[in-house]
């Protein structure tokens, strides 16, 4: 009988992320990942303890390309905004994995390093105590929420069309806003929302 080929956690993470990207988070299982790798499910357990660990590997792979070092130049708002853009780009490339970033946010080294970088900027700007807690959590919510909304783009488009067609007598502002929304792109929504958020997160 041939000896099972050795695997690395990087290979396993890549296969797991491919499952999530192609088939959705609900399709993630040890069996599905083993099939991608051309090995047995039991063989996979030699390298990964369970699904929870598998999810953690996916999150680390998603964050592998996120530079956690704060930008050196700019105002504190500009520097935090750049940190936010880095994460939006990373998780936006793998929207099906977004829920995992929240599940593993307290244990993911990549996410923790990014958060430390953001906190470094905030601390340098004089944002302390509860204000710093609120700032980090609100920023994280802004990024995750934006990506989730963008992920539902095709569905949102149909919904926007339906709202635009509402009775102007009963829903005049909703109908008008929906018509305007057709020309407002995701980048503009993210940047304007982020700028508004940062204006309210300064030292208090």
N, C-alpha and C. Protein backbone atom coordinates (compact mmCIF):
# COMPACT_ATOMS: atom_id res chain seq x y z
N UNK A 1 0.85 -1.19 0.00
CA UNK A 1 0.00 0.00 0.00
C UNK A 1 0.89 1.24 0.00
N UNK A 2 0.65 2.20 -0.91
CA UNK A 2 1.51 3.40 -0.94
C UNK A 2 1.33 4.23 0.31
N UNK A 3 2.39 4.83 0.75
CA UNK A 3 2.34 5.68 1.94
C UNK A 3 1.62 6.98 1.61
N UNK A 4 0.67 7.42 2.47
CA UNK A 4 -0.05 8.67 2.22
C UNK A 4 0.94 9.84 2.11
N UNK A 5 0.70 10.72 1.14
CA UNK A 5 1.61 11.84 0.96
C UNK A 5 1.48 12.82 2.12
N UNK A 6 2.57 13.46 2.43
CA UNK A 6 2.57 14.44 3.51
C UNK A 6 1.88 15.72 3.05
N UNK A 7 1.23 16.36 3.98
CA UNK A 7 0.57 17.63 3.71
C UNK A 7 1.11 18.69 4.64
N UNK A 8 0.99 19.93 4.21
CA UNK A 8 1.34 21.05 5.07
C UNK A 8 0.06 21.78 5.45
N UNK A 9 0.11 22.53 6.53
CA UNK A 9 -1.08 23.30 6.92
C UNK A 9 -1.40 24.37 5.89
N UNK A 10 -0.40 24.85 5.19
CA UNK A 10 -0.65 25.82 4.13
C UNK A 10 -1.47 25.21 3.00
N UNK A 11 -1.14 23.96 2.64
CA UNK A 11 -1.91 23.27 1.61
C UNK A 11 -3.34 23.02 2.06
N UNK A 12 -3.48 22.64 3.31
CA UNK A 12 -4.81 22.37 3.86
C UNK A 12 -5.64 23.65 3.90
N UNK A 13 -5.02 24.76 4.34
CA UNK A 13 -5.72 26.04 4.39
C UNK A 13 -6.17 26.47 3.01
N UNK A 14 -5.31 26.30 2.01
CA UNK A 14 -5.65 26.70 0.64
C UNK A 14 -6.81 25.87 0.11
N UNK A 15 -6.80 24.58 0.39
CA UNK A 15 -7.89 23.70 -0.05
C UNK A 15 -9.19 24.07 0.64
N UNK A 16 -9.12 24.35 1.93
CA UNK A 16 -10.32 24.71 2.70
C UNK A 16 -10.90 26.03 2.20
N UNK A 17 -10.04 27.00 1.93
CA UNK A 17 -10.52 28.28 1.43
C UNK A 17 -11.13 28.12 0.04
N UNK A 18 -10.57 27.23 -0.76
CA UNK A 18 -11.12 26.98 -2.09
C UNK A 18 -12.54 26.40 -1.99
N UNK A 19 -12.74 25.53 -1.02
CA UNK A 19 -14.08 24.97 -0.81
C UNK A 19 -15.06 26.09 -0.47
N UNK A 20 -14.66 26.95 0.44
CA UNK A 20 -15.53 28.05 0.87
C UNK A 20 -15.79 29.02 -0.28
N UNK A 21 -14.76 29.36 -1.02
CA UNK A 21 -14.92 30.29 -2.15
C UNK A 21 -15.84 29.72 -3.22
N UNK A 22 -15.67 28.45 -3.52
CA UNK A 22 -16.41 27.85 -4.64
C UNK A 22 -17.82 27.41 -4.27
N UNK A 23 -17.97 26.88 -3.05
CA UNK A 23 -19.23 26.23 -2.69
C UNK A 23 -19.94 26.85 -1.50
N UNK A 24 -19.33 27.85 -0.88
CA UNK A 24 -19.97 28.51 0.26
C UNK A 24 -19.53 27.92 1.58
N UNK A 25 -19.70 28.70 2.63
CA UNK A 25 -19.26 28.28 3.96
C UNK A 25 -19.98 27.03 4.43
N UNK A 26 -21.24 26.88 4.06
CA UNK A 26 -22.01 25.71 4.49
C UNK A 26 -21.42 24.41 3.96
N UNK A 27 -20.65 24.49 2.88
CA UNK A 27 -20.07 23.28 2.28
C UNK A 27 -18.77 22.86 2.96
N UNK A 28 -18.25 23.70 3.85
CA UNK A 28 -16.97 23.38 4.48
C UNK A 28 -17.10 22.18 5.42
N UNK A 29 -16.28 21.18 5.19
CA UNK A 29 -16.20 20.01 6.06
C UNK A 29 -14.84 19.37 5.89
N UNK A 30 -14.46 18.55 6.85
CA UNK A 30 -13.20 17.84 6.72
C UNK A 30 -13.22 16.95 5.48
N UNK A 31 -14.36 16.36 5.21
CA UNK A 31 -14.48 15.47 4.05
C UNK A 31 -14.29 16.25 2.74
N UNK A 32 -14.92 17.43 2.65
CA UNK A 32 -14.80 18.22 1.43
C UNK A 32 -13.37 18.67 1.18
N UNK A 33 -12.68 19.04 2.25
CA UNK A 33 -11.28 19.48 2.12
C UNK A 33 -10.39 18.30 1.74
N UNK A 34 -10.62 17.14 2.37
CA UNK A 34 -9.83 15.95 2.04
C UNK A 34 -10.00 15.58 0.57
N UNK A 35 -11.23 15.71 0.07
CA UNK A 35 -11.48 15.41 -1.34
C UNK A 35 -10.69 16.34 -2.24
N UNK A 36 -10.63 17.62 -1.89
CA UNK A 36 -9.86 18.59 -2.67
C UNK A 36 -8.38 18.21 -2.71
N UNK A 37 -7.91 17.67 -1.61
CA UNK A 37 -6.49 17.33 -1.49
C UNK A 37 -6.17 15.94 -2.01
N UNK A 38 -7.18 15.20 -2.39
CA UNK A 38 -6.95 13.85 -2.89
C UNK A 38 -6.51 12.88 -1.83
N UNK A 39 -7.01 13.07 -0.60
CA UNK A 39 -6.65 12.19 0.49
C UNK A 39 -7.91 11.77 1.23
N UNK A 40 -7.77 10.94 2.23
CA UNK A 40 -8.93 10.49 2.99
C UNK A 40 -9.21 11.46 4.13
N UNK A 41 -10.45 11.44 4.58
CA UNK A 41 -10.82 12.30 5.71
C UNK A 41 -10.00 11.94 6.94
N UNK A 42 -9.83 10.67 7.20
CA UNK A 42 -9.07 10.25 8.38
C UNK A 42 -7.62 10.71 8.29
N UNK A 43 -7.05 10.71 7.08
CA UNK A 43 -5.67 11.17 6.92
C UNK A 43 -5.55 12.65 7.26
N UNK A 44 -6.59 13.40 6.95
CA UNK A 44 -6.56 14.84 7.22
C UNK A 44 -6.48 15.11 8.72
N UNK A 45 -7.07 14.24 9.52
CA UNK A 45 -7.05 14.43 10.97
C UNK A 45 -5.64 14.27 11.55
N UNK A 46 -4.71 13.82 10.76
CA UNK A 46 -3.32 13.77 11.23
C UNK A 46 -2.73 15.18 11.33
N UNK A 47 -3.34 16.11 10.59
CA UNK A 47 -2.79 17.46 10.50
C UNK A 47 -3.68 18.52 11.15
N UNK A 48 -4.99 18.26 11.18
CA UNK A 48 -5.95 19.23 11.71
C UNK A 48 -6.85 18.51 12.70
N UNK A 49 -7.01 19.11 13.87
CA UNK A 49 -7.75 18.43 14.93
C UNK A 49 -9.25 18.35 14.64
N UNK A 50 -9.82 19.45 14.16
CA UNK A 50 -11.26 19.48 13.92
C UNK A 50 -11.61 20.66 13.01
N UNK A 51 -12.90 20.84 12.78
CA UNK A 51 -13.35 21.93 11.90
C UNK A 51 -12.96 23.29 12.47
N UNK A 52 -13.01 23.46 13.77
CA UNK A 52 -12.67 24.74 14.38
C UNK A 52 -11.24 25.15 14.01
N UNK A 53 -10.33 24.20 14.10
CA UNK A 53 -8.95 24.50 13.72
C UNK A 53 -8.85 24.78 12.22
N UNK A 54 -9.64 24.07 11.44
CA UNK A 54 -9.66 24.29 10.00
C UNK A 54 -10.12 25.71 9.68
N UNK A 55 -11.14 26.16 10.38
CA UNK A 55 -11.62 27.53 10.19
C UNK A 55 -10.53 28.54 10.52
N UNK A 56 -9.80 28.28 11.60
CA UNK A 56 -8.72 29.18 11.99
C UNK A 56 -7.65 29.28 10.92
N UNK A 57 -7.35 28.17 10.27
CA UNK A 57 -6.37 28.18 9.18
C UNK A 57 -6.86 29.03 8.00
N UNK A 58 -8.15 28.96 7.74
CA UNK A 58 -8.72 29.77 6.66
C UNK A 58 -8.57 31.25 6.97
N UNK A 59 -8.90 31.63 8.20
CA UNK A 59 -8.80 33.05 8.59
C UNK A 59 -7.36 33.53 8.46
N UNK A 60 -6.41 32.69 8.87
CA UNK A 60 -5.01 33.09 8.78
C UNK A 60 -4.57 33.26 7.33
N UNK A 61 -5.09 32.42 6.46
CA UNK A 61 -4.75 32.53 5.04
C UNK A 61 -5.33 33.82 4.46
N UNK A 62 -6.55 34.14 4.82
CA UNK A 62 -7.18 35.38 4.35
C UNK A 62 -6.39 36.59 4.81
N UNK A 63 -5.90 36.55 6.05
CA UNK A 63 -5.18 37.70 6.61
C UNK A 63 -3.69 37.68 6.30
N UNK A 64 -3.23 36.65 5.62
CA UNK A 64 -1.80 36.55 5.34
C UNK A 64 -1.27 37.73 4.54
N UNK A 65 -2.11 38.28 3.69
CA UNK A 65 -1.67 39.39 2.86
C UNK A 65 -1.95 40.76 3.44
N UNK A 66 -2.46 40.81 4.66
CA UNK A 66 -2.79 42.10 5.29
C UNK A 66 -1.58 42.60 6.08
N UNK A 67 -1.04 43.71 5.65
CA UNK A 67 0.10 44.31 6.35
C UNK A 67 -0.38 44.91 7.67
N UNK A 68 0.12 44.42 8.82
CA UNK A 68 -0.34 44.94 10.10
C UNK A 68 0.42 46.17 10.57
N UNK A 69 1.43 46.58 9.82
CA UNK A 69 2.24 47.72 10.23
C UNK A 69 1.54 49.01 9.81
N UNK A 70 1.28 49.91 10.76
CA UNK A 70 0.57 51.15 10.42
C UNK A 70 1.35 52.00 9.42
N UNK A 71 0.67 52.69 8.53
CA UNK A 71 1.36 53.62 7.63
C UNK A 71 2.09 54.68 8.45
N UNK A 72 3.23 55.11 7.96
CA UNK A 72 4.03 56.07 8.72
C UNK A 72 3.54 57.50 8.54
N UNK A 73 2.98 57.81 7.38
CA UNK A 73 2.61 59.19 7.07
C UNK A 73 1.10 59.39 7.12
N UNK A 74 0.70 60.64 7.32
CA UNK A 74 -0.71 60.99 7.30
C UNK A 74 -1.26 61.29 8.67
N UNK A 75 -2.46 61.85 8.68
CA UNK A 75 -3.16 62.06 9.94
C UNK A 75 -3.57 60.72 10.52
N UNK A 76 -3.98 60.72 11.77
CA UNK A 76 -4.36 59.43 12.36
C UNK A 76 -5.58 58.86 11.64
N UNK A 77 -6.50 59.75 11.20
CA UNK A 77 -7.67 59.25 10.46
C UNK A 77 -7.27 58.62 9.13
N UNK A 78 -6.33 59.25 8.43
CA UNK A 78 -5.86 58.70 7.15
C UNK A 78 -5.16 57.37 7.36
N UNK A 79 -4.42 57.25 8.43
CA UNK A 79 -3.69 56.01 8.70
C UNK A 79 -4.65 54.88 9.07
N UNK A 80 -5.65 55.18 9.89
CA UNK A 80 -6.64 54.16 10.24
C UNK A 80 -7.44 53.76 9.00
N UNK A 81 -7.77 54.73 8.16
CA UNK A 81 -8.52 54.44 6.94
C UNK A 81 -7.74 53.47 6.05
N UNK A 82 -6.44 53.67 5.94
CA UNK A 82 -5.63 52.76 5.13
C UNK A 82 -5.63 51.35 5.73
N UNK A 83 -5.57 51.25 7.06
CA UNK A 83 -5.63 49.94 7.71
C UNK A 83 -6.97 49.26 7.40
N UNK A 84 -8.04 50.04 7.40
CA UNK A 84 -9.36 49.50 7.10
C UNK A 84 -9.44 49.00 5.66
N UNK A 85 -8.84 49.76 4.75
CA UNK A 85 -8.87 49.35 3.34
C UNK A 85 -8.14 48.03 3.12
N UNK A 86 -7.07 47.83 3.86
CA UNK A 86 -6.31 46.57 3.72
C UNK A 86 -7.19 45.37 4.07
N UNK A 87 -7.93 45.48 5.16
CA UNK A 87 -8.77 44.36 5.58
C UNK A 87 -9.95 44.19 4.63
N UNK A 88 -10.54 45.30 4.21
CA UNK A 88 -11.66 45.21 3.27
C UNK A 88 -11.24 44.47 2.00
N UNK A 89 -10.04 44.78 1.50
CA UNK A 89 -9.56 44.12 0.28
C UNK A 89 -9.35 42.63 0.52
N UNK A 90 -8.80 42.29 1.66
CA UNK A 90 -8.49 40.88 1.94
C UNK A 90 -9.75 40.05 2.10
N UNK A 91 -10.66 40.51 2.94
CA UNK A 91 -11.87 39.70 3.17
C UNK A 91 -12.87 39.87 2.04
N UNK A 92 -12.79 41.00 1.33
CA UNK A 92 -13.67 41.18 0.19
C UNK A 92 -13.37 40.20 -0.93
N UNK A 93 -12.13 39.71 -0.98
CA UNK A 93 -11.77 38.71 -1.98
C UNK A 93 -12.32 37.33 -1.64
N UNK A 94 -12.75 37.15 -0.40
CA UNK A 94 -13.28 35.86 0.06
C UNK A 94 -14.52 36.10 0.92
N UNK A 95 -15.56 36.67 0.36
CA UNK A 95 -16.72 37.08 1.16
C UNK A 95 -17.41 35.94 1.91
N UNK A 96 -17.34 34.72 1.38
CA UNK A 96 -17.98 33.60 2.08
C UNK A 96 -17.29 33.29 3.40
N UNK A 97 -16.04 33.72 3.53
CA UNK A 97 -15.28 33.46 4.76
C UNK A 97 -15.46 34.54 5.81
N UNK A 98 -16.20 35.59 5.48
CA UNK A 98 -16.35 36.72 6.40
C UNK A 98 -16.85 36.30 7.79
N UNK A 99 -17.88 35.45 7.89
CA UNK A 99 -18.33 35.07 9.24
C UNK A 99 -17.24 34.44 10.09
N UNK A 100 -16.28 33.77 9.46
CA UNK A 100 -15.20 33.13 10.22
C UNK A 100 -14.30 34.16 10.87
N UNK A 101 -14.16 35.34 10.25
CA UNK A 101 -13.31 36.37 10.84
C UNK A 101 -13.87 36.84 12.17
N UNK A 102 -15.19 36.81 12.31
CA UNK A 102 -15.81 37.21 13.57
C UNK A 102 -15.73 36.09 14.60
N UNK A 103 -15.91 34.86 14.16
CA UNK A 103 -15.85 33.73 15.07
C UNK A 103 -14.46 33.59 15.67
N UNK A 104 -13.43 33.87 14.87
CA UNK A 104 -12.05 33.65 15.30
C UNK A 104 -11.30 34.95 15.58
N UNK A 105 -12.03 36.04 15.79
CA UNK A 105 -11.36 37.33 15.94
C UNK A 105 -10.51 37.42 17.21
N UNK A 106 -10.82 36.61 18.22
CA UNK A 106 -10.06 36.68 19.47
C UNK A 106 -8.83 35.77 19.46
N UNK A 107 -8.72 34.93 18.45
CA UNK A 107 -7.61 33.97 18.44
C UNK A 107 -6.77 34.01 17.16
N UNK A 108 -7.19 34.76 16.17
CA UNK A 108 -6.47 34.82 14.90
C UNK A 108 -5.24 35.72 15.04
N UNK A 109 -4.03 35.17 14.92
CA UNK A 109 -2.83 36.01 15.01
C UNK A 109 -2.82 37.14 13.99
N UNK A 110 -3.26 36.85 12.76
CA UNK A 110 -3.28 37.89 11.73
C UNK A 110 -4.20 39.03 12.08
N UNK A 111 -5.40 38.71 12.54
CA UNK A 111 -6.36 39.74 12.91
C UNK A 111 -5.92 40.48 14.16
N UNK A 112 -5.31 39.76 15.10
CA UNK A 112 -4.81 40.40 16.31
C UNK A 112 -3.68 41.38 16.00
N UNK A 113 -2.81 41.00 15.07
CA UNK A 113 -1.71 41.91 14.69
C UNK A 113 -2.25 43.17 14.01
N UNK A 114 -3.25 42.98 13.15
CA UNK A 114 -3.88 44.15 12.51
C UNK A 114 -4.53 45.04 13.56
N UNK A 115 -5.25 44.43 14.49
CA UNK A 115 -5.91 45.21 15.54
C UNK A 115 -4.89 45.97 16.39
N UNK A 116 -3.77 45.33 16.67
CA UNK A 116 -2.72 46.00 17.43
C UNK A 116 -2.19 47.22 16.68
N UNK A 117 -2.08 47.09 15.36
CA UNK A 117 -1.64 48.22 14.55
C UNK A 117 -2.63 49.38 14.59
N UNK A 118 -3.91 49.06 14.51
CA UNK A 118 -4.94 50.10 14.59
C UNK A 118 -4.91 50.77 15.96
N UNK A 119 -4.79 49.97 17.01
CA UNK A 119 -4.76 50.52 18.37
C UNK A 119 -3.52 51.40 18.58
N UNK A 120 -2.44 51.04 17.94
CA UNK A 120 -1.22 51.87 18.03
C UNK A 120 -1.49 53.27 17.48
N UNK A 121 -2.19 53.33 16.36
CA UNK A 121 -2.52 54.63 15.77
C UNK A 121 -3.46 55.40 16.70
N UNK A 122 -4.49 54.72 17.20
CA UNK A 122 -5.46 55.37 18.07
C UNK A 122 -4.80 55.88 19.34
N UNK A 123 -3.93 55.06 19.93
CA UNK A 123 -3.25 55.47 21.15
C UNK A 123 -2.39 56.70 20.90
N UNK A 124 -1.72 56.72 19.77
CA UNK A 124 -0.88 57.87 19.43
C UNK A 124 -1.69 59.13 19.21
N UNK A 125 -2.98 58.96 18.85
CA UNK A 125 -3.86 60.11 18.63
C UNK A 125 -4.54 60.55 19.92
N UNK A 126 -4.25 59.85 21.03
CA UNK A 126 -4.85 60.22 22.30
C UNK A 126 -6.20 59.59 22.56
N UNK A 127 -6.57 58.59 21.77
CA UNK A 127 -7.83 57.87 22.00
C UNK A 127 -7.55 56.79 23.04
N UNK A 128 -8.17 56.89 24.19
CA UNK A 128 -7.86 56.00 25.30
C UNK A 128 -9.12 55.39 25.89
N UNK A 129 -8.92 54.40 26.78
CA UNK A 129 -10.00 53.82 27.57
C UNK A 129 -11.16 53.31 26.75
N UNK A 130 -12.37 53.63 27.21
CA UNK A 130 -13.59 53.16 26.56
C UNK A 130 -13.69 53.68 25.13
N UNK A 131 -13.19 54.89 24.88
CA UNK A 131 -13.25 55.45 23.53
C UNK A 131 -12.46 54.60 22.55
N UNK A 132 -11.36 54.04 23.00
CA UNK A 132 -10.54 53.19 22.13
C UNK A 132 -11.25 51.87 21.86
N UNK A 133 -11.92 51.34 22.87
CA UNK A 133 -12.71 50.11 22.69
C UNK A 133 -13.79 50.33 21.64
N UNK A 134 -14.53 51.42 21.81
CA UNK A 134 -15.61 51.75 20.87
C UNK A 134 -15.04 51.94 19.46
N UNK A 135 -13.91 52.62 19.35
CA UNK A 135 -13.31 52.89 18.05
C UNK A 135 -12.96 51.60 17.31
N UNK A 136 -12.29 50.69 17.99
CA UNK A 136 -11.88 49.45 17.33
C UNK A 136 -13.07 48.60 16.95
N UNK A 137 -14.02 48.46 17.85
CA UNK A 137 -15.19 47.63 17.55
C UNK A 137 -16.05 48.23 16.45
N UNK A 138 -16.21 49.54 16.48
CA UNK A 138 -17.02 50.19 15.45
C UNK A 138 -16.36 50.12 14.10
N UNK A 139 -15.04 50.30 14.07
CA UNK A 139 -14.31 50.19 12.81
C UNK A 139 -14.44 48.78 12.24
N UNK A 140 -14.29 47.77 13.09
CA UNK A 140 -14.42 46.39 12.64
C UNK A 140 -15.81 46.13 12.08
N UNK A 141 -16.83 46.64 12.78
CA UNK A 141 -18.21 46.47 12.33
C UNK A 141 -18.44 47.15 10.98
N UNK A 142 -17.84 48.32 10.80
CA UNK A 142 -17.97 49.05 9.54
C UNK A 142 -17.40 48.23 8.38
N UNK A 143 -16.22 47.66 8.58
CA UNK A 143 -15.57 46.90 7.51
C UNK A 143 -16.38 45.64 7.19
N UNK A 144 -16.73 44.88 8.23
CA UNK A 144 -17.48 43.64 8.02
C UNK A 144 -18.83 43.93 7.38
N UNK A 145 -19.52 44.93 7.90
CA UNK A 145 -20.83 45.27 7.36
C UNK A 145 -20.76 45.69 5.91
N UNK A 146 -19.74 46.47 5.57
CA UNK A 146 -19.60 46.93 4.18
C UNK A 146 -19.38 45.75 3.24
N UNK A 147 -18.51 44.84 3.64
CA UNK A 147 -18.23 43.68 2.78
C UNK A 147 -19.47 42.81 2.64
N UNK A 148 -20.21 42.63 3.72
CA UNK A 148 -21.42 41.83 3.64
C UNK A 148 -22.44 42.45 2.70
N UNK A 149 -22.59 43.76 2.76
CA UNK A 149 -23.53 44.43 1.85
C UNK A 149 -23.06 44.32 0.41
N UNK A 150 -21.77 44.46 0.19
CA UNK A 150 -21.23 44.35 -1.16
C UNK A 150 -21.40 42.94 -1.71
N UNK A 151 -21.27 41.97 -0.82
CA UNK A 151 -21.43 40.57 -1.21
C UNK A 151 -22.83 40.30 -1.74
N UNK A 152 -23.81 41.02 -1.19
CA UNK A 152 -25.20 40.84 -1.61
C UNK A 152 -25.55 41.76 -2.77
N UNK A 153 -24.54 42.21 -3.51
CA UNK A 153 -24.75 43.17 -4.58
C UNK A 153 -25.85 42.82 -5.56
N UNK A 154 -25.80 41.62 -6.18
CA UNK A 154 -26.86 41.28 -7.14
C UNK A 154 -28.25 41.30 -6.51
N UNK A 155 -28.35 40.77 -5.28
CA UNK A 155 -29.65 40.78 -4.60
C UNK A 155 -30.04 42.20 -4.27
N UNK A 156 -29.07 43.00 -3.80
CA UNK A 156 -29.36 44.39 -3.46
C UNK A 156 -29.81 45.16 -4.69
N UNK A 157 -29.23 44.81 -5.85
CA UNK A 157 -29.62 45.49 -7.07
C UNK A 157 -31.09 45.26 -7.40
N UNK A 158 -31.54 44.03 -7.26
CA UNK A 158 -32.95 43.73 -7.51
C UNK A 158 -33.83 44.45 -6.49
N UNK A 159 -33.35 44.46 -5.24
CA UNK A 159 -34.11 45.15 -4.20
C UNK A 159 -34.19 46.64 -4.45
N UNK A 160 -33.08 47.21 -4.93
CA UNK A 160 -33.06 48.64 -5.24
C UNK A 160 -34.07 48.95 -6.34
N UNK A 161 -34.11 48.11 -7.36
CA UNK A 161 -35.07 48.32 -8.45
C UNK A 161 -36.50 48.25 -7.93
N UNK A 162 -36.75 47.31 -7.04
CA UNK A 162 -38.11 47.16 -6.49
C UNK A 162 -38.50 48.38 -5.67
N UNK A 163 -37.54 48.89 -4.88
CA UNK A 163 -37.85 50.06 -4.06
C UNK A 163 -38.04 51.30 -4.94
N UNK A 164 -37.23 51.41 -5.99
CA UNK A 164 -37.35 52.55 -6.90
C UNK A 164 -38.72 52.58 -7.57
N UNK A 165 -39.35 51.42 -7.68
CA UNK A 165 -40.65 51.33 -8.34
C UNK A 165 -41.82 51.49 -7.37
N UNK A 166 -41.51 51.74 -6.09
CA UNK A 166 -42.58 51.93 -5.11
C UNK A 166 -43.41 53.17 -5.43
N UNK A 167 -44.58 53.20 -4.88
CA UNK A 167 -45.47 54.34 -5.08
C UNK A 167 -44.82 55.62 -4.55
N UNK A 168 -44.64 56.63 -5.41
CA UNK A 168 -44.04 57.89 -4.94
C UNK A 168 -44.94 58.64 -3.96
N UNK A 169 -46.21 58.28 -3.93
CA UNK A 169 -47.12 58.91 -2.98
C UNK A 169 -46.92 58.32 -1.57
N UNK A 170 -46.71 57.00 -1.52
CA UNK A 170 -46.58 56.33 -0.22
C UNK A 170 -45.14 56.34 0.29
N UNK A 171 -44.17 56.17 -0.60
CA UNK A 171 -42.76 56.11 -0.20
C UNK A 171 -41.93 57.06 -1.07
N UNK A 172 -42.17 58.34 -1.02
CA UNK A 172 -41.47 59.26 -1.93
C UNK A 172 -39.96 59.29 -1.71
N UNK A 173 -39.52 59.29 -0.47
CA UNK A 173 -38.08 59.38 -0.21
C UNK A 173 -37.36 58.06 -0.45
N UNK A 174 -38.01 56.95 -0.11
CA UNK A 174 -37.41 55.65 -0.39
C UNK A 174 -37.24 55.45 -1.89
N UNK A 175 -38.27 55.79 -2.67
CA UNK A 175 -38.20 55.61 -4.11
C UNK A 175 -37.12 56.51 -4.72
N UNK A 176 -37.05 57.76 -4.27
CA UNK A 176 -36.05 58.68 -4.79
C UNK A 176 -34.64 58.23 -4.44
N UNK A 177 -34.45 57.79 -3.18
CA UNK A 177 -33.13 57.35 -2.74
C UNK A 177 -32.69 56.10 -3.48
N UNK A 178 -33.60 55.19 -3.74
CA UNK A 178 -33.28 53.97 -4.47
C UNK A 178 -32.85 54.29 -5.89
N UNK A 179 -33.50 55.24 -6.51
CA UNK A 179 -33.10 55.62 -7.87
C UNK A 179 -31.69 56.21 -7.87
N UNK A 180 -31.40 57.02 -6.85
CA UNK A 180 -30.07 57.61 -6.72
C UNK A 180 -29.02 56.54 -6.45
N UNK A 181 -29.42 55.49 -5.69
CA UNK A 181 -28.47 54.44 -5.29
C UNK A 181 -27.89 53.69 -6.48
N UNK A 182 -28.59 53.69 -7.59
CA UNK A 182 -28.09 52.98 -8.76
C UNK A 182 -26.76 53.54 -9.26
N UNK A 183 -26.49 54.79 -8.97
CA UNK A 183 -25.25 55.42 -9.46
C UNK A 183 -24.20 55.58 -8.37
N UNK A 184 -24.44 55.00 -7.22
CA UNK A 184 -23.49 55.11 -6.10
C UNK A 184 -22.78 53.76 -5.94
N UNK A 185 -21.47 53.73 -6.21
CA UNK A 185 -20.71 52.48 -6.16
C UNK A 185 -20.29 52.09 -4.76
N UNK A 186 -19.85 50.85 -4.64
CA UNK A 186 -19.43 50.33 -3.34
C UNK A 186 -18.26 51.10 -2.74
N UNK A 187 -17.30 51.47 -3.57
CA UNK A 187 -16.14 52.19 -3.05
C UNK A 187 -16.55 53.53 -2.45
N UNK A 188 -17.44 54.22 -3.12
CA UNK A 188 -17.89 55.52 -2.61
C UNK A 188 -18.63 55.34 -1.29
N UNK A 189 -19.48 54.34 -1.22
CA UNK A 189 -20.21 54.10 0.02
C UNK A 189 -19.24 53.80 1.16
N UNK A 190 -18.25 52.95 0.88
CA UNK A 190 -17.30 52.57 1.92
C UNK A 190 -16.48 53.77 2.38
N UNK A 191 -15.94 54.52 1.44
CA UNK A 191 -15.06 55.64 1.79
C UNK A 191 -15.82 56.74 2.52
N UNK A 192 -17.01 57.07 2.07
CA UNK A 192 -17.77 58.13 2.74
C UNK A 192 -18.21 57.67 4.13
N UNK A 193 -18.63 56.42 4.22
CA UNK A 193 -19.03 55.90 5.53
C UNK A 193 -17.87 55.85 6.50
N UNK A 194 -16.70 55.42 5.99
CA UNK A 194 -15.51 55.34 6.83
C UNK A 194 -15.09 56.73 7.30
N UNK A 195 -15.13 57.71 6.41
CA UNK A 195 -14.74 59.07 6.79
C UNK A 195 -15.68 59.63 7.85
N UNK A 196 -16.97 59.39 7.68
CA UNK A 196 -17.93 59.86 8.68
C UNK A 196 -17.71 59.20 10.03
N UNK A 197 -17.41 57.91 9.98
CA UNK A 197 -17.15 57.16 11.20
C UNK A 197 -15.93 57.72 11.94
N UNK A 198 -14.85 57.94 11.20
CA UNK A 198 -13.61 58.39 11.82
C UNK A 198 -13.73 59.79 12.42
N UNK A 199 -14.59 60.61 11.84
CA UNK A 199 -14.78 61.96 12.40
C UNK A 199 -15.34 61.89 13.82
N UNK A 200 -16.06 60.82 14.11
CA UNK A 200 -16.66 60.70 15.44
C UNK A 200 -15.88 59.86 16.42
N UNK A 201 -14.70 59.38 16.01
CA UNK A 201 -13.95 58.46 16.87
C UNK A 201 -12.70 59.07 17.47
N UNK A 202 -12.58 60.36 17.46
CA UNK A 202 -11.40 61.01 18.02
C UNK A 202 -11.38 61.01 19.53
N UNK A 203 -10.34 61.59 20.11
CA UNK A 203 -10.24 61.68 21.58
C UNK A 203 -11.46 62.39 22.16
N UNK A 204 -11.94 61.88 23.29
CA UNK A 204 -13.12 62.50 23.90
C UNK A 204 -12.80 62.96 25.31
